[in-house]
């Protein structure tokens, strides 16, 4: 089931975007909900929220927050410092927002790294993948903070392998990062 979740995360990341029905974000969310909701409904999580909400409402909200965290934007951190500065500036000029930019810039002045370099992207990705999981933690458990940290490391590990001078092992590190993110999110349900 984790592999199916990984494949669904790839669909959320743009896989099969040439298929008219699948490229719609609502259909993608529905596919994820069909995978996550039954598992959430029939499992017990022993959280305060689960004990105080009807099971149907708990399932609905937990599924929503989990899928929201999974689809929350992580530009440009997911490229792990390999994105060109011109492209980032162009996207910002178009109105694209960079989550947690002020916090990561502030942390950069303390740590001494440059904006949008590898370390900057690493810290931005950690924030994107853990902070968005805080509502999920309230519903499904503290394991999702650990999963958020793991996902940030997975994206960076995939790019690390890609940037090595020996034979290329991955066709697209972002695709592999998305796949492993989906697998980890689903495993967190257990």
N, C-alpha and C. Protein backbone atom coordinates (compact mmCIF):
# COMPACT_ATOMS: atom_id res chain seq x y z
N UNK A 1 0.83 -1.20 0.00
CA UNK A 1 0.00 0.00 0.00
C UNK A 1 0.86 1.26 0.00
N UNK A 2 2.03 1.18 0.65
CA UNK A 2 2.93 2.32 0.64
C UNK A 2 3.40 2.65 -0.77
N UNK A 3 3.60 1.62 -1.59
CA UNK A 3 4.01 1.83 -2.98
C UNK A 3 2.90 2.54 -3.75
N UNK A 4 1.65 2.15 -3.49
CA UNK A 4 0.51 2.82 -4.14
C UNK A 4 0.47 4.28 -3.71
N UNK A 5 0.72 4.54 -2.42
CA UNK A 5 0.74 5.91 -1.93
C UNK A 5 1.88 6.70 -2.59
N UNK A 6 3.02 6.05 -2.76
CA UNK A 6 4.13 6.70 -3.45
C UNK A 6 3.79 7.06 -4.88
N UNK A 7 3.10 6.15 -5.56
CA UNK A 7 2.67 6.42 -6.94
C UNK A 7 1.64 7.55 -6.98
N UNK A 8 0.74 7.58 -5.99
CA UNK A 8 -0.23 8.68 -5.94
C UNK A 8 0.47 10.01 -5.69
N UNK A 9 1.51 9.99 -4.86
CA UNK A 9 2.27 11.23 -4.64
C UNK A 9 2.94 11.68 -5.93
N UNK A 10 3.40 10.74 -6.74
CA UNK A 10 3.98 11.10 -8.04
C UNK A 10 2.91 11.72 -8.94
N UNK A 11 1.69 11.20 -8.89
CA UNK A 11 0.60 11.80 -9.67
C UNK A 11 0.36 13.22 -9.20
N UNK A 12 0.40 13.45 -7.87
CA UNK A 12 0.24 14.81 -7.35
C UNK A 12 1.38 15.71 -7.81
N UNK A 13 2.55 15.12 -8.06
CA UNK A 13 3.71 15.88 -8.49
C UNK A 13 3.79 16.10 -9.99
N UNK A 14 2.81 15.63 -10.75
CA UNK A 14 2.80 15.89 -12.18
C UNK A 14 2.88 14.67 -13.07
N UNK A 15 3.04 13.50 -12.49
CA UNK A 15 3.07 12.28 -13.29
C UNK A 15 1.70 12.09 -13.93
N UNK A 16 1.65 11.69 -15.16
CA UNK A 16 0.42 11.54 -15.93
C UNK A 16 -0.32 12.86 -16.12
N UNK A 17 0.40 13.97 -16.16
CA UNK A 17 -0.25 15.27 -16.32
C UNK A 17 -0.80 15.46 -17.74
N UNK A 18 -0.43 14.56 -18.65
CA UNK A 18 -0.99 14.65 -20.00
C UNK A 18 -2.35 13.97 -20.11
N UNK A 19 -2.77 13.24 -19.07
CA UNK A 19 -4.10 12.63 -19.03
C UNK A 19 -5.07 13.68 -18.50
N UNK A 20 -6.07 14.09 -19.30
CA UNK A 20 -6.93 15.21 -18.92
C UNK A 20 -7.62 15.05 -17.56
N UNK A 21 -8.12 13.88 -17.25
CA UNK A 21 -8.84 13.71 -15.99
C UNK A 21 -7.88 13.72 -14.81
N UNK A 22 -6.76 13.05 -14.95
CA UNK A 22 -5.81 12.90 -13.84
C UNK A 22 -5.10 14.22 -13.52
N UNK A 23 -4.96 15.11 -14.48
CA UNK A 23 -4.22 16.34 -14.19
C UNK A 23 -5.02 17.31 -13.32
N UNK A 24 -6.31 17.06 -13.14
CA UNK A 24 -7.13 17.92 -12.29
C UNK A 24 -6.79 17.67 -10.83
N UNK A 25 -6.51 18.73 -10.07
CA UNK A 25 -6.10 18.60 -8.67
C UNK A 25 -7.18 17.95 -7.81
N UNK A 26 -8.43 18.23 -8.10
CA UNK A 26 -9.52 17.61 -7.32
C UNK A 26 -9.56 16.10 -7.49
N UNK A 27 -9.32 15.60 -8.68
CA UNK A 27 -9.28 14.16 -8.93
C UNK A 27 -8.09 13.54 -8.19
N UNK A 28 -6.95 14.23 -8.20
CA UNK A 28 -5.77 13.74 -7.50
C UNK A 28 -6.04 13.64 -6.00
N UNK A 29 -6.66 14.66 -5.44
CA UNK A 29 -7.01 14.64 -4.01
C UNK A 29 -7.98 13.49 -3.72
N UNK A 30 -8.94 13.29 -4.60
CA UNK A 30 -9.92 12.22 -4.40
C UNK A 30 -9.24 10.85 -4.39
N UNK A 31 -8.30 10.63 -5.29
CA UNK A 31 -7.57 9.36 -5.32
C UNK A 31 -6.81 9.14 -4.01
N UNK A 32 -6.16 10.18 -3.53
CA UNK A 32 -5.45 10.06 -2.26
C UNK A 32 -6.42 9.82 -1.10
N UNK A 33 -7.56 10.51 -1.12
CA UNK A 33 -8.55 10.32 -0.06
C UNK A 33 -9.09 8.89 -0.06
N UNK A 34 -9.27 8.32 -1.24
CA UNK A 34 -9.75 6.94 -1.32
C UNK A 34 -8.73 5.95 -0.75
N UNK A 35 -7.47 6.30 -0.78
CA UNK A 35 -6.45 5.43 -0.19
C UNK A 35 -6.31 5.67 1.31
N UNK A 36 -6.28 6.92 1.73
CA UNK A 36 -6.01 7.25 3.13
C UNK A 36 -7.22 7.09 4.05
N UNK A 37 -8.38 7.54 3.62
CA UNK A 37 -9.56 7.58 4.50
C UNK A 37 -9.94 6.22 5.09
N UNK A 38 -9.99 5.15 4.32
CA UNK A 38 -10.36 3.86 4.94
C UNK A 38 -9.36 3.41 6.01
N UNK A 39 -8.09 3.66 5.77
CA UNK A 39 -7.09 3.28 6.76
C UNK A 39 -7.27 4.10 8.03
N UNK A 40 -7.46 5.40 7.87
CA UNK A 40 -7.66 6.27 9.04
C UNK A 40 -8.93 5.90 9.78
N UNK A 41 -9.99 5.57 9.05
CA UNK A 41 -11.27 5.25 9.67
C UNK A 41 -11.19 3.99 10.54
N UNK A 42 -10.49 2.98 10.08
CA UNK A 42 -10.49 1.70 10.79
C UNK A 42 -9.32 1.53 11.77
N UNK A 43 -8.43 2.50 11.86
CA UNK A 43 -7.32 2.43 12.81
C UNK A 43 -7.64 3.26 14.04
N UNK A 44 -6.94 2.99 15.14
CA UNK A 44 -7.06 3.78 16.35
C UNK A 44 -5.74 4.50 16.57
N UNK A 45 -5.82 5.81 16.82
CA UNK A 45 -4.59 6.61 16.91
C UNK A 45 -4.30 7.12 18.32
N UNK A 46 -5.22 7.01 19.23
CA UNK A 46 -5.01 7.40 20.63
C UNK A 46 -4.54 8.84 20.78
N UNK A 47 -5.14 9.73 20.03
CA UNK A 47 -4.84 11.15 20.19
C UNK A 47 -6.04 11.83 20.84
N UNK A 48 -5.80 12.99 21.41
CA UNK A 48 -6.87 13.73 22.07
C UNK A 48 -7.98 14.06 21.06
N UNK A 49 -7.61 14.45 19.86
CA UNK A 49 -8.59 14.82 18.84
C UNK A 49 -9.46 13.62 18.48
N UNK A 50 -8.86 12.46 18.33
CA UNK A 50 -9.64 11.28 17.98
C UNK A 50 -10.66 10.94 19.07
N UNK A 51 -10.28 11.14 20.31
CA UNK A 51 -11.17 10.82 21.43
C UNK A 51 -12.33 11.79 21.57
N UNK A 52 -12.23 12.97 20.96
CA UNK A 52 -13.25 14.00 21.15
C UNK A 52 -14.05 14.34 19.89
N UNK A 53 -13.80 13.64 18.80
CA UNK A 53 -14.57 13.87 17.58
C UNK A 53 -15.25 12.58 17.15
N UNK A 54 -16.41 12.70 16.49
CA UNK A 54 -17.00 11.49 15.90
C UNK A 54 -16.04 10.90 14.86
N UNK A 55 -16.07 9.60 14.71
CA UNK A 55 -15.10 8.92 13.85
C UNK A 55 -15.17 9.43 12.40
N UNK A 56 -16.35 9.71 11.88
CA UNK A 56 -16.47 10.18 10.50
C UNK A 56 -15.82 11.55 10.33
N UNK A 57 -16.01 12.44 11.33
CA UNK A 57 -15.43 13.78 11.25
C UNK A 57 -13.91 13.71 11.43
N UNK A 58 -13.48 12.88 12.36
CA UNK A 58 -12.04 12.67 12.56
C UNK A 58 -11.38 12.19 11.26
N UNK A 59 -12.01 11.22 10.61
CA UNK A 59 -11.47 10.67 9.35
C UNK A 59 -11.42 11.73 8.27
N UNK A 60 -12.48 12.50 8.14
CA UNK A 60 -12.54 13.54 7.12
C UNK A 60 -11.45 14.59 7.33
N UNK A 61 -11.33 15.10 8.55
CA UNK A 61 -10.34 16.14 8.83
C UNK A 61 -8.91 15.61 8.74
N UNK A 62 -8.67 14.43 9.30
CA UNK A 62 -7.31 13.86 9.26
C UNK A 62 -6.88 13.60 7.82
N UNK A 63 -7.79 13.10 7.00
CA UNK A 63 -7.47 12.85 5.59
C UNK A 63 -7.18 14.16 4.87
N UNK A 64 -7.99 15.17 5.13
CA UNK A 64 -7.76 16.48 4.50
C UNK A 64 -6.39 17.04 4.88
N UNK A 65 -6.08 17.06 6.18
CA UNK A 65 -4.80 17.63 6.62
C UNK A 65 -3.61 16.84 6.09
N UNK A 66 -3.75 15.53 6.00
CA UNK A 66 -2.65 14.71 5.49
C UNK A 66 -2.40 14.99 4.00
N UNK A 67 -3.46 15.06 3.22
CA UNK A 67 -3.29 15.33 1.79
C UNK A 67 -2.81 16.77 1.58
N UNK A 68 -3.32 17.69 2.38
CA UNK A 68 -2.86 19.09 2.27
C UNK A 68 -1.35 19.18 2.54
N UNK A 69 -0.90 18.51 3.59
CA UNK A 69 0.54 18.54 3.90
C UNK A 69 1.35 17.90 2.79
N UNK A 70 0.79 16.87 2.18
CA UNK A 70 1.50 16.17 1.11
C UNK A 70 1.61 17.03 -0.15
N UNK A 71 0.63 17.88 -0.39
CA UNK A 71 0.62 18.69 -1.61
C UNK A 71 1.11 20.12 -1.39
N UNK A 72 1.44 20.47 -0.17
CA UNK A 72 1.89 21.83 0.13
C UNK A 72 3.17 22.13 -0.63
N UNK A 73 3.23 23.31 -1.21
CA UNK A 73 4.36 23.70 -2.03
C UNK A 73 5.67 23.75 -1.27
N UNK A 74 6.76 23.42 -1.94
CA UNK A 74 8.08 23.41 -1.32
C UNK A 74 9.13 24.00 -2.26
N UNK A 75 8.71 24.94 -3.07
CA UNK A 75 9.62 25.61 -4.00
C UNK A 75 10.50 26.58 -3.23
N UNK A 76 11.75 26.72 -3.49
CA UNK A 76 12.66 25.98 -4.36
C UNK A 76 13.44 24.90 -3.61
N UNK A 77 13.09 24.66 -2.35
CA UNK A 77 13.87 23.74 -1.52
C UNK A 77 13.98 22.34 -2.07
N UNK A 78 12.95 21.88 -2.78
CA UNK A 78 12.97 20.51 -3.27
C UNK A 78 14.03 20.28 -4.34
N UNK A 79 14.58 21.34 -4.90
CA UNK A 79 15.66 21.21 -5.89
C UNK A 79 17.03 21.18 -5.22
N UNK A 80 17.07 21.36 -3.91
CA UNK A 80 18.28 21.18 -3.10
C UNK A 80 19.46 22.02 -3.59
N UNK A 81 19.20 23.26 -3.95
CA UNK A 81 20.26 24.17 -4.34
C UNK A 81 20.72 24.05 -5.78
N UNK A 82 20.02 23.27 -6.59
CA UNK A 82 20.44 23.10 -7.99
C UNK A 82 19.65 23.98 -8.95
N UNK A 83 18.63 24.67 -8.47
CA UNK A 83 17.80 25.53 -9.33
C UNK A 83 18.57 26.81 -9.63
N UNK A 84 18.48 27.29 -10.87
CA UNK A 84 19.20 28.51 -11.24
C UNK A 84 18.55 29.72 -10.58
N UNK A 85 19.39 30.69 -10.23
CA UNK A 85 18.91 31.90 -9.58
C UNK A 85 17.98 32.69 -10.51
N UNK A 86 18.25 32.64 -11.80
CA UNK A 86 17.41 33.35 -12.77
C UNK A 86 15.98 32.79 -12.76
N UNK A 87 15.87 31.47 -12.73
CA UNK A 87 14.54 30.84 -12.71
C UNK A 87 13.80 31.18 -11.42
N UNK A 88 14.49 31.15 -10.30
CA UNK A 88 13.86 31.49 -9.02
C UNK A 88 13.36 32.92 -9.05
N UNK A 89 14.19 33.85 -9.53
CA UNK A 89 13.79 35.26 -9.61
C UNK A 89 12.61 35.44 -10.56
N UNK A 90 12.60 34.70 -11.66
CA UNK A 90 11.49 34.76 -12.61
C UNK A 90 10.19 34.28 -11.97
N UNK A 91 10.26 33.19 -11.21
CA UNK A 91 9.06 32.66 -10.54
C UNK A 91 8.56 33.61 -9.46
N UNK A 92 9.47 34.23 -8.73
CA UNK A 92 9.09 35.22 -7.71
C UNK A 92 8.42 36.41 -8.37
N UNK A 93 8.95 36.86 -9.51
CA UNK A 93 8.36 37.98 -10.24
C UNK A 93 6.95 37.65 -10.72
N UNK A 94 6.69 36.38 -11.02
CA UNK A 94 5.34 35.95 -11.43
C UNK A 94 4.37 35.89 -10.26
N UNK A 95 4.89 36.03 -9.04
CA UNK A 95 4.03 36.02 -7.86
C UNK A 95 4.11 34.74 -7.04
N UNK A 96 5.00 33.87 -7.40
CA UNK A 96 5.14 32.61 -6.64
C UNK A 96 5.76 32.90 -5.28
N UNK A 97 5.15 32.39 -4.24
CA UNK A 97 5.62 32.62 -2.88
C UNK A 97 6.58 31.52 -2.46
N UNK A 98 7.54 31.88 -1.65
CA UNK A 98 8.48 30.91 -1.10
C UNK A 98 8.16 30.76 0.38
N UNK A 99 7.67 29.57 0.77
CA UNK A 99 7.31 29.38 2.17
C UNK A 99 8.53 29.47 3.09
N UNK A 100 8.36 30.14 4.22
CA UNK A 100 9.36 30.22 5.28
C UNK A 100 10.65 30.94 4.85
N UNK A 101 10.56 31.78 3.83
CA UNK A 101 11.76 32.46 3.32
C UNK A 101 12.39 33.36 4.38
N UNK A 102 11.60 34.12 5.11
CA UNK A 102 12.16 35.03 6.11
C UNK A 102 12.87 34.28 7.23
N UNK A 103 12.28 33.18 7.65
CA UNK A 103 12.89 32.39 8.73
C UNK A 103 14.21 31.79 8.25
N UNK A 104 14.21 31.23 7.05
CA UNK A 104 15.42 30.59 6.53
C UNK A 104 16.49 31.64 6.25
N UNK A 105 16.10 32.82 5.77
CA UNK A 105 17.08 33.89 5.56
C UNK A 105 17.69 34.33 6.89
N UNK A 106 16.87 34.46 7.91
CA UNK A 106 17.37 34.82 9.24
C UNK A 106 18.34 33.76 9.76
N UNK A 107 17.97 32.49 9.62
CA UNK A 107 18.83 31.40 10.05
C UNK A 107 20.13 31.41 9.23
N UNK A 108 20.06 31.81 7.98
CA UNK A 108 21.24 31.90 7.13
C UNK A 108 22.24 32.95 7.61
N UNK A 109 21.72 34.05 8.16
CA UNK A 109 22.64 35.06 8.69
C UNK A 109 23.39 34.52 9.90
N UNK A 110 22.77 33.64 10.65
CA UNK A 110 23.43 33.04 11.82
C UNK A 110 24.41 31.95 11.38
N UNK A 111 23.97 31.09 10.47
CA UNK A 111 24.79 29.96 10.02
C UNK A 111 25.81 30.35 8.95
N UNK A 112 25.55 31.43 8.22
CA UNK A 112 26.51 31.89 7.24
C UNK A 112 26.41 31.25 5.87
N UNK A 113 25.22 30.90 5.44
CA UNK A 113 25.06 30.36 4.08
C UNK A 113 24.31 31.37 3.22
N UNK A 114 24.43 31.18 1.92
CA UNK A 114 23.83 32.10 0.96
C UNK A 114 22.40 31.70 0.64
N UNK A 115 21.63 32.70 0.20
CA UNK A 115 20.24 32.45 -0.17
C UNK A 115 20.17 31.52 -1.38
N UNK A 116 19.30 30.52 -1.30
CA UNK A 116 19.00 29.54 -2.35
C UNK A 116 20.16 28.58 -2.65
N UNK A 117 21.16 28.52 -1.78
CA UNK A 117 22.19 27.50 -2.00
C UNK A 117 21.71 26.19 -1.37
N UNK A 118 22.57 25.23 -1.35
CA UNK A 118 22.19 23.88 -0.91
C UNK A 118 21.69 23.86 0.54
N UNK A 119 22.43 24.52 1.43
CA UNK A 119 22.02 24.50 2.84
C UNK A 119 20.74 25.30 3.05
N UNK A 120 20.59 26.43 2.36
CA UNK A 120 19.36 27.22 2.47
C UNK A 120 18.15 26.36 2.08
N UNK A 121 18.29 25.65 0.96
CA UNK A 121 17.20 24.80 0.49
C UNK A 121 16.91 23.66 1.46
N UNK A 122 17.96 23.13 2.07
CA UNK A 122 17.78 22.06 3.05
C UNK A 122 16.93 22.53 4.22
N UNK A 123 17.25 23.69 4.79
CA UNK A 123 16.48 24.20 5.94
C UNK A 123 15.07 24.59 5.52
N UNK A 124 14.91 25.14 4.33
CA UNK A 124 13.58 25.50 3.87
C UNK A 124 12.72 24.25 3.67
N UNK A 125 13.32 23.20 3.16
CA UNK A 125 12.59 21.95 2.94
C UNK A 125 12.21 21.30 4.27
N UNK A 126 13.09 21.36 5.25
CA UNK A 126 12.75 20.83 6.57
C UNK A 126 11.54 21.56 7.14
N UNK A 127 11.54 22.88 7.05
CA UNK A 127 10.39 23.64 7.56
C UNK A 127 9.12 23.32 6.79
N UNK A 128 9.22 23.26 5.46
CA UNK A 128 8.03 22.97 4.64
C UNK A 128 7.45 21.60 4.98
N UNK A 129 8.30 20.64 5.17
CA UNK A 129 7.82 19.26 5.36
C UNK A 129 7.47 18.93 6.80
N UNK A 130 7.88 19.74 7.78
CA UNK A 130 7.51 19.45 9.17
C UNK A 130 6.40 20.38 9.69
N UNK A 131 6.48 21.66 9.41
CA UNK A 131 5.48 22.60 9.93
C UNK A 131 4.10 22.28 9.37
N UNK A 132 4.02 21.92 8.11
CA UNK A 132 2.72 21.60 7.50
C UNK A 132 2.13 20.31 8.08
N UNK A 133 2.93 19.53 8.76
CA UNK A 133 2.44 18.30 9.35
C UNK A 133 1.95 18.48 10.79
N UNK A 134 2.05 19.67 11.36
CA UNK A 134 1.61 19.87 12.74
C UNK A 134 0.13 19.54 12.93
N UNK A 135 -0.78 19.98 12.04
CA UNK A 135 -2.18 19.54 12.21
C UNK A 135 -2.33 18.02 12.10
N UNK A 136 -1.55 17.39 11.25
CA UNK A 136 -1.60 15.94 11.11
C UNK A 136 -1.16 15.28 12.41
N UNK A 137 -0.17 15.85 13.07
CA UNK A 137 0.30 15.32 14.36
C UNK A 137 -0.83 15.32 15.38
N UNK A 138 -1.63 16.38 15.39
CA UNK A 138 -2.74 16.45 16.34
C UNK A 138 -3.75 15.33 16.10
N UNK A 139 -3.90 14.91 14.86
CA UNK A 139 -4.87 13.88 14.52
C UNK A 139 -4.28 12.48 14.56
N UNK A 140 -3.12 12.29 13.99
CA UNK A 140 -2.62 10.94 13.74
C UNK A 140 -1.40 10.54 14.56
N UNK A 141 -0.75 11.49 15.22
CA UNK A 141 0.35 11.13 16.09
C UNK A 141 1.66 11.83 15.76
N UNK A 142 2.55 11.80 16.73
CA UNK A 142 3.82 12.51 16.66
C UNK A 142 4.77 11.94 15.62
N UNK A 143 4.53 10.73 15.14
CA UNK A 143 5.43 10.12 14.15
C UNK A 143 5.54 10.97 12.89
N UNK A 144 4.57 11.83 12.63
CA UNK A 144 4.62 12.63 11.41
C UNK A 144 5.66 13.76 11.47
N UNK A 145 6.07 14.18 12.65
CA UNK A 145 7.18 15.13 12.72
C UNK A 145 8.46 14.43 12.26
N UNK A 146 8.67 13.22 12.72
CA UNK A 146 9.83 12.44 12.29
C UNK A 146 9.76 12.17 10.79
N UNK A 147 8.58 11.86 10.29
CA UNK A 147 8.41 11.61 8.85
C UNK A 147 8.72 12.87 8.04
N UNK A 148 8.28 14.03 8.51
CA UNK A 148 8.59 15.28 7.82
C UNK A 148 10.09 15.52 7.74
N UNK A 149 10.80 15.24 8.82
CA UNK A 149 12.26 15.37 8.80
C UNK A 149 12.88 14.37 7.83
N UNK A 150 12.37 13.14 7.85
CA UNK A 150 12.89 12.11 6.94
C UNK A 150 12.69 12.50 5.48
N UNK A 151 11.52 13.06 5.17
CA UNK A 151 11.23 13.44 3.79
C UNK A 151 12.22 14.50 3.31
N UNK A 152 12.55 15.46 4.17
CA UNK A 152 13.53 16.48 3.79
C UNK A 152 14.88 15.84 3.49
N UNK A 153 15.26 14.85 4.28
CA UNK A 153 16.53 14.16 4.03
C UNK A 153 16.46 13.31 2.77
N UNK A 154 15.29 12.72 2.50
CA UNK A 154 15.15 11.88 1.30
C UNK A 154 15.34 12.71 0.04
N UNK A 155 14.70 13.88 -0.04
CA UNK A 155 14.88 14.74 -1.21
C UNK A 155 16.36 15.06 -1.41
N UNK A 156 17.02 15.43 -0.30
CA UNK A 156 18.44 15.78 -0.41
C UNK A 156 19.29 14.57 -0.77
N UNK A 157 18.97 13.40 -0.25
CA UNK A 157 19.72 12.19 -0.59
C UNK A 157 19.57 11.87 -2.08
N UNK A 158 18.37 12.02 -2.61
CA UNK A 158 18.15 11.76 -4.03
C UNK A 158 18.98 12.71 -4.89
N UNK A 159 19.06 13.99 -4.50
CA UNK A 159 19.87 14.93 -5.26
C UNK A 159 21.36 14.67 -5.05
N UNK A 160 21.74 14.25 -3.87
CA UNK A 160 23.15 13.94 -3.61
C UNK A 160 23.63 12.83 -4.54
N UNK A 161 22.81 11.79 -4.69
CA UNK A 161 23.16 10.69 -5.58
C UNK A 161 23.25 11.20 -7.02
N UNK A 162 22.32 12.07 -7.41
CA UNK A 162 22.29 12.59 -8.78
C UNK A 162 23.51 13.46 -9.10
N UNK A 163 24.03 14.18 -8.12
CA UNK A 163 25.13 15.11 -8.35
C UNK A 163 26.50 14.46 -8.28
N UNK A 164 26.57 13.21 -7.93
CA UNK A 164 27.86 12.51 -7.87
C UNK A 164 28.42 12.33 -9.27
N UNK A 165 29.75 12.32 -9.42
CA UNK A 165 30.35 12.24 -10.76
C UNK A 165 30.23 10.87 -11.42
N UNK A 166 29.94 9.83 -10.66
CA UNK A 166 29.83 8.52 -11.29
C UNK A 166 28.47 8.37 -11.98
N UNK A 167 28.23 7.20 -12.52
CA UNK A 167 27.02 6.94 -13.32
C UNK A 167 25.75 7.43 -12.62
N UNK A 168 24.88 8.06 -13.39
CA UNK A 168 23.62 8.55 -12.85
C UNK A 168 22.71 7.38 -12.48
N UNK A 169 22.21 7.40 -11.25
CA UNK A 169 21.36 6.31 -10.78
C UNK A 169 19.88 6.64 -10.88
N UNK A 170 19.56 7.91 -10.87
CA UNK A 170 18.15 8.32 -10.88
C UNK A 170 17.88 9.14 -12.12
N UNK A 171 16.73 8.93 -12.75
CA UNK A 171 16.39 9.74 -13.92
C UNK A 171 15.93 11.12 -13.49
N UNK A 172 15.27 11.23 -12.36
CA UNK A 172 14.86 12.52 -11.83
C UNK A 172 14.77 12.42 -10.32
N UNK A 173 15.67 13.09 -9.60
CA UNK A 173 15.66 12.99 -8.15
C UNK A 173 14.38 13.51 -7.51
N UNK A 174 13.76 14.53 -8.13
CA UNK A 174 12.50 15.04 -7.57
C UNK A 174 11.42 13.96 -7.61
N UNK A 175 11.35 13.23 -8.70
CA UNK A 175 10.35 12.16 -8.81
C UNK A 175 10.57 11.10 -7.74
N UNK A 176 11.82 10.72 -7.51
CA UNK A 176 12.10 9.73 -6.48
C UNK A 176 11.79 10.29 -5.09
N UNK A 177 12.10 11.55 -4.87
CA UNK A 177 11.78 12.17 -3.58
C UNK A 177 10.28 12.18 -3.33
N UNK A 178 9.50 12.50 -4.35
CA UNK A 178 8.04 12.48 -4.21
C UNK A 178 7.54 11.07 -3.93
N UNK A 179 8.08 10.09 -4.63
CA UNK A 179 7.67 8.71 -4.42
C UNK A 179 7.92 8.28 -2.98
N UNK A 180 9.12 8.54 -2.47
CA UNK A 180 9.44 8.13 -1.10
C UNK A 180 8.64 8.93 -0.08
N UNK A 181 8.31 10.17 -0.40
CA UNK A 181 7.45 10.95 0.50
C UNK A 181 6.10 10.27 0.65
N UNK A 182 5.50 9.86 -0.47
CA UNK A 182 4.21 9.17 -0.41
C UNK A 182 4.29 7.88 0.38
N UNK A 183 5.36 7.13 0.19
CA UNK A 183 5.53 5.87 0.94
C UNK A 183 5.62 6.15 2.44
N UNK A 184 6.41 7.15 2.83
CA UNK A 184 6.58 7.46 4.25
C UNK A 184 5.29 7.98 4.87
N UNK A 185 4.56 8.82 4.16
CA UNK A 185 3.30 9.33 4.69
C UNK A 185 2.32 8.20 4.95
N UNK A 186 2.25 7.25 4.04
CA UNK A 186 1.33 6.14 4.24
C UNK A 186 1.79 5.25 5.39
N UNK A 187 3.08 5.00 5.49
CA UNK A 187 3.58 4.17 6.60
C UNK A 187 3.30 4.82 7.95
N UNK A 188 3.23 6.14 7.98
CA UNK A 188 2.90 6.83 9.21
C UNK A 188 1.51 6.54 9.74
N UNK A 189 0.63 6.07 8.86
CA UNK A 189 -0.72 5.72 9.29
C UNK A 189 -0.72 4.49 10.19
N UNK A 190 0.35 3.71 10.14
CA UNK A 190 0.43 2.51 10.95
C UNK A 190 1.36 2.75 12.10
